[in-house]
Amino acid sequence: MEKVVDCLENAYQEFVDAAAAVLETKASSDCERTAATDTALENFKKKWETFKAACDQAQELVDSVKQRITANTTFPVNEDIIDIFDHSIVDFDD
């Protein structure tokens, strides 16, 4: 689980850094399109895709844990408690 969290954290930080690089590059070029801004935007897109993949991996972990919790209990499980896991991952596509 730590590996998934670390991967998500690293992907998020790289995504934020790439966003900052786009803004800095755009500002330094007086908001004109240049090779540098295109490169920064392409890098941003790649980091966004990596971040989305890390989020998907974290969601798979959460789903797996939910499955184990509900499968290993001999008493009724309150689904509202389990559903709190669904709100722990941000989905930027919604």
N, C-alpha and C. Protein backbone atom coordinates (compact mmCIF):
# COMPACT_ATOMS: atom_id res chain seq x y z
N MET A 1 0.82 -1.18 0.00
CA MET A 1 0.00 0.00 0.00
C MET A 1 0.88 1.26 0.00
N GLU A 2 1.96 1.22 0.72
CA GLU A 2 2.86 2.38 0.75
C GLU A 2 3.38 2.72 -0.63
N LYS A 3 3.66 1.68 -1.40
CA LYS A 3 4.18 1.89 -2.75
C LYS A 3 3.15 2.65 -3.61
N VAL A 4 1.89 2.29 -3.48
CA VAL A 4 0.84 2.97 -4.25
C VAL A 4 0.72 4.42 -3.81
N VAL A 5 0.77 4.65 -2.52
CA VAL A 5 0.67 6.02 -1.99
C VAL A 5 1.87 6.85 -2.45
N ASP A 6 3.05 6.27 -2.37
CA ASP A 6 4.26 6.98 -2.83
C ASP A 6 4.19 7.31 -4.32
N CYS A 7 3.71 6.34 -5.09
CA CYS A 7 3.58 6.54 -6.54
C CYS A 7 2.59 7.66 -6.82
N LEU A 8 1.47 7.68 -6.12
CA LEU A 8 0.47 8.73 -6.30
C LEU A 8 1.03 10.09 -5.89
N GLU A 9 1.73 10.12 -4.79
CA GLU A 9 2.31 11.38 -4.31
C GLU A 9 3.34 11.91 -5.31
N ASN A 10 4.20 11.04 -5.82
CA ASN A 10 5.21 11.45 -6.79
C ASN A 10 4.57 11.93 -8.10
N ALA A 11 3.57 11.20 -8.56
CA ALA A 11 2.90 11.58 -9.79
C ALA A 11 2.20 12.92 -9.63
N TYR A 12 1.59 13.15 -8.48
CA TYR A 12 0.93 14.42 -8.22
C TYR A 12 1.94 15.57 -8.22
N GLN A 13 3.06 15.38 -7.54
CA GLN A 13 4.06 16.43 -7.47
C GLN A 13 4.63 16.75 -8.85
N GLU A 14 4.87 15.71 -9.66
CA GLU A 14 5.38 15.93 -11.01
C GLU A 14 4.34 16.66 -11.87
N PHE A 15 3.07 16.35 -11.67
CA PHE A 15 1.98 17.01 -12.37
C PHE A 15 1.92 18.50 -12.01
N VAL A 16 2.01 18.79 -10.72
CA VAL A 16 2.00 20.18 -10.26
C VAL A 16 3.22 20.94 -10.79
N ASP A 17 4.37 20.30 -10.74
CA ASP A 17 5.59 20.93 -11.27
C ASP A 17 5.46 21.22 -12.76
N ALA A 18 4.87 20.28 -13.50
CA ALA A 18 4.69 20.48 -14.94
C ALA A 18 3.71 21.63 -15.20
N ALA A 19 2.68 21.74 -14.39
CA ALA A 19 1.73 22.85 -14.53
C ALA A 19 2.44 24.18 -14.28
N ALA A 20 3.26 24.22 -13.26
CA ALA A 20 4.01 25.44 -12.96
C ALA A 20 4.96 25.78 -14.11
N ALA A 21 5.58 24.77 -14.69
CA ALA A 21 6.50 25.00 -15.81
C ALA A 21 5.76 25.59 -17.01
N VAL A 22 4.53 25.12 -17.25
CA VAL A 22 3.73 25.67 -18.35
C VAL A 22 3.47 27.15 -18.11
N LEU A 23 3.05 27.47 -16.90
CA LEU A 23 2.76 28.88 -16.58
C LEU A 23 4.00 29.76 -16.69
N GLU A 24 5.12 29.27 -16.18
CA GLU A 24 6.36 30.04 -16.24
C GLU A 24 6.83 30.23 -17.69
N THR A 25 6.73 29.17 -18.47
CA THR A 25 7.16 29.25 -19.87
C THR A 25 6.27 30.19 -20.65
N LYS A 26 4.97 30.08 -20.39
CA LYS A 26 4.02 30.97 -21.07
C LYS A 26 4.27 32.43 -20.70
N ALA A 27 4.54 32.69 -19.43
CA ALA A 27 4.81 34.06 -18.98
C ALA A 27 6.09 34.61 -19.57
N SER A 28 7.11 33.77 -19.67
CA SER A 28 8.39 34.25 -20.20
C SER A 28 8.36 34.49 -21.70
N SER A 29 7.34 33.94 -22.37
CA SER A 29 7.23 34.14 -23.82
C SER A 29 6.16 35.17 -24.16
N ASP A 30 5.75 35.95 -23.15
CA ASP A 30 4.69 36.96 -23.34
C ASP A 30 3.42 36.33 -23.91
N CYS A 31 3.12 35.14 -23.44
CA CYS A 31 1.91 34.38 -23.82
C CYS A 31 1.87 34.02 -25.30
N GLU A 32 3.02 34.04 -25.95
CA GLU A 32 3.12 33.63 -27.35
C GLU A 32 3.42 32.14 -27.41
N ARG A 33 2.97 31.50 -28.47
CA ARG A 33 3.27 30.09 -28.67
C ARG A 33 4.69 29.96 -29.23
N THR A 34 5.49 29.18 -28.50
CA THR A 34 6.87 28.96 -28.92
C THR A 34 7.17 27.46 -28.80
N ALA A 35 8.34 27.07 -29.25
CA ALA A 35 8.75 25.68 -29.10
C ALA A 35 8.82 25.30 -27.62
N ALA A 36 9.26 26.25 -26.79
CA ALA A 36 9.36 25.98 -25.35
C ALA A 36 7.99 25.78 -24.72
N THR A 37 7.01 26.59 -25.13
CA THR A 37 5.66 26.42 -24.57
C THR A 37 5.05 25.10 -25.04
N ASP A 38 5.29 24.75 -26.30
CA ASP A 38 4.79 23.47 -26.82
C ASP A 38 5.40 22.30 -26.06
N THR A 39 6.70 22.38 -25.78
CA THR A 39 7.37 21.33 -25.03
C THR A 39 6.83 21.24 -23.61
N ALA A 40 6.62 22.38 -22.99
CA ALA A 40 6.08 22.40 -21.62
C ALA A 40 4.67 21.82 -21.59
N LEU A 41 3.86 22.16 -22.59
CA LEU A 41 2.50 21.62 -22.66
C LEU A 41 2.50 20.12 -22.90
N GLU A 42 3.40 19.66 -23.74
CA GLU A 42 3.49 18.21 -23.99
C GLU A 42 3.91 17.47 -22.73
N ASN A 43 4.87 18.03 -22.01
CA ASN A 43 5.30 17.43 -20.75
C ASN A 43 4.15 17.43 -19.73
N PHE A 44 3.40 18.52 -19.70
CA PHE A 44 2.23 18.61 -18.82
C PHE A 44 1.23 17.51 -19.14
N LYS A 45 0.97 17.30 -20.42
CA LYS A 45 0.03 16.25 -20.84
C LYS A 45 0.51 14.87 -20.37
N LYS A 46 1.80 14.61 -20.54
CA LYS A 46 2.36 13.32 -20.11
C LYS A 46 2.23 13.14 -18.59
N LYS A 47 2.52 14.20 -17.85
CA LYS A 47 2.42 14.12 -16.39
C LYS A 47 0.97 13.96 -15.95
N TRP A 48 0.03 14.57 -16.67
CA TRP A 48 -1.40 14.41 -16.38
C TRP A 48 -1.80 12.95 -16.59
N GLU A 49 -1.36 12.35 -17.67
CA GLU A 49 -1.69 10.95 -17.95
C GLU A 49 -1.08 10.04 -16.88
N THR A 50 0.15 10.34 -16.47
CA THR A 50 0.79 9.55 -15.42
C THR A 50 0.04 9.69 -14.10
N PHE A 51 -0.39 10.90 -13.79
CA PHE A 51 -1.14 11.14 -12.56
C PHE A 51 -2.47 10.40 -12.60
N LYS A 52 -3.16 10.44 -13.73
CA LYS A 52 -4.43 9.72 -13.86
C LYS A 52 -4.22 8.22 -13.66
N ALA A 53 -3.14 7.68 -14.22
CA ALA A 53 -2.85 6.25 -14.07
C ALA A 53 -2.57 5.92 -12.60
N ALA A 54 -1.86 6.79 -11.91
CA ALA A 54 -1.59 6.57 -10.48
C ALA A 54 -2.88 6.62 -9.67
N CYS A 55 -3.79 7.52 -10.04
CA CYS A 55 -5.10 7.59 -9.37
C CYS A 55 -5.89 6.30 -9.62
N ASP A 56 -5.84 5.80 -10.84
CA ASP A 56 -6.53 4.55 -11.15
C ASP A 56 -5.96 3.39 -10.34
N GLN A 57 -4.64 3.37 -10.20
CA GLN A 57 -3.99 2.32 -9.41
C GLN A 57 -4.41 2.42 -7.95
N ALA A 58 -4.47 3.62 -7.43
CA ALA A 58 -4.91 3.81 -6.04
C ALA A 58 -6.37 3.39 -5.88
N GLN A 59 -7.20 3.71 -6.87
CA GLN A 59 -8.61 3.31 -6.81
C GLN A 59 -8.74 1.79 -6.81
N GLU A 60 -7.92 1.12 -7.59
CA GLU A 60 -7.92 -0.34 -7.61
C GLU A 60 -7.56 -0.90 -6.24
N LEU A 61 -6.60 -0.28 -5.57
CA LEU A 61 -6.22 -0.70 -4.23
C LEU A 61 -7.39 -0.51 -3.27
N VAL A 62 -8.04 0.64 -3.34
CA VAL A 62 -9.19 0.90 -2.46
C VAL A 62 -10.29 -0.12 -2.73
N ASP A 63 -10.57 -0.40 -3.98
CA ASP A 63 -11.60 -1.38 -4.32
C ASP A 63 -11.23 -2.77 -3.80
N SER A 64 -9.96 -3.11 -3.90
CA SER A 64 -9.49 -4.40 -3.40
C SER A 64 -9.66 -4.51 -1.89
N VAL A 65 -9.31 -3.44 -1.19
CA VAL A 65 -9.46 -3.44 0.28
C VAL A 65 -10.93 -3.53 0.65
N LYS A 66 -11.78 -2.79 -0.05
CA LYS A 66 -13.23 -2.87 0.19
C LYS A 66 -13.72 -4.30 0.02
N GLN A 67 -13.26 -4.94 -1.05
CA GLN A 67 -13.66 -6.31 -1.34
C GLN A 67 -13.23 -7.25 -0.21
N ARG A 68 -12.00 -7.08 0.26
CA ARG A 68 -11.51 -7.93 1.35
C ARG A 68 -12.27 -7.69 2.64
N ILE A 69 -12.59 -6.43 2.91
CA ILE A 69 -13.34 -6.12 4.14
C ILE A 69 -14.70 -6.78 4.12
N THR A 70 -15.39 -6.64 3.00
CA THR A 70 -16.74 -7.21 2.93
C THR A 70 -16.71 -8.73 2.80
N ALA A 71 -15.69 -9.29 2.19
CA ALA A 71 -15.61 -10.74 2.01
C ALA A 71 -15.22 -11.46 3.29
N ASN A 72 -14.48 -10.81 4.17
CA ASN A 72 -13.96 -11.45 5.36
C ASN A 72 -14.80 -11.20 6.61
N THR A 73 -15.95 -10.61 6.47
CA THR A 73 -16.78 -10.34 7.65
C THR A 73 -17.89 -11.36 7.73
N THR A 74 -18.20 -11.77 8.94
CA THR A 74 -19.27 -12.73 9.18
C THR A 74 -20.53 -12.04 9.67
N PHE A 75 -20.48 -10.73 9.76
CA PHE A 75 -21.65 -9.96 10.19
C PHE A 75 -21.96 -8.93 9.11
N PRO A 76 -23.19 -8.42 9.10
CA PRO A 76 -23.53 -7.43 8.07
C PRO A 76 -22.64 -6.20 8.16
N VAL A 77 -22.19 -5.72 7.01
CA VAL A 77 -21.33 -4.55 6.94
C VAL A 77 -22.17 -3.37 6.48
N ASN A 78 -22.04 -2.28 7.18
CA ASN A 78 -22.74 -1.06 6.81
C ASN A 78 -22.06 -0.48 5.57
N GLU A 79 -22.75 -0.50 4.44
CA GLU A 79 -22.16 -0.03 3.18
C GLU A 79 -21.82 1.45 3.23
N ASP A 80 -22.49 2.23 4.05
CA ASP A 80 -22.16 3.65 4.16
C ASP A 80 -20.75 3.85 4.70
N ILE A 81 -20.33 2.98 5.60
CA ILE A 81 -18.98 3.08 6.14
C ILE A 81 -17.97 2.70 5.06
N ILE A 82 -18.26 1.66 4.30
CA ILE A 82 -17.36 1.24 3.23
C ILE A 82 -17.29 2.31 2.15
N ASP A 83 -18.42 3.00 1.88
CA ASP A 83 -18.45 4.00 0.83
C ASP A 83 -17.56 5.20 1.10
N ILE A 84 -17.10 5.39 2.32
CA ILE A 84 -16.20 6.52 2.58
C ILE A 84 -14.92 6.38 1.78
N PHE A 85 -14.55 5.14 1.43
CA PHE A 85 -13.35 4.93 0.63
C PHE A 85 -13.53 5.52 -0.78
N ASP A 86 -14.74 5.51 -1.29
CA ASP A 86 -14.98 6.01 -2.64
C ASP A 86 -14.69 7.49 -2.77
N HIS A 87 -14.72 8.22 -1.69
CA HIS A 87 -14.54 9.66 -1.73
C HIS A 87 -13.11 10.08 -1.43
N SER A 88 -12.21 9.12 -1.35
CA SER A 88 -10.84 9.46 -0.98
C SER A 88 -9.95 9.71 -2.21
N ILE A 89 -10.42 9.38 -3.39
CA ILE A 89 -9.66 9.57 -4.61
C ILE A 89 -10.36 10.62 -5.47
N VAL A 90 -9.63 11.62 -5.91
CA VAL A 90 -10.20 12.68 -6.72
C VAL A 90 -10.20 12.24 -8.18
N ASP A 91 -11.34 12.35 -8.85
CA ASP A 91 -11.43 12.01 -10.25
C ASP A 91 -11.61 13.31 -11.03
N PHE A 92 -10.60 13.76 -11.74
CA PHE A 92 -10.65 15.02 -12.45
C PHE A 92 -11.48 14.94 -13.73
N ASP A 93 -11.88 13.73 -14.13
CA ASP A 93 -12.68 13.59 -15.35
C ASP A 93 -14.16 13.83 -15.11
N ASP A 94 -14.60 13.86 -13.86
CA ASP A 94 -16.02 14.08 -13.59
C ASP A 94 -16.39 15.53 -13.70
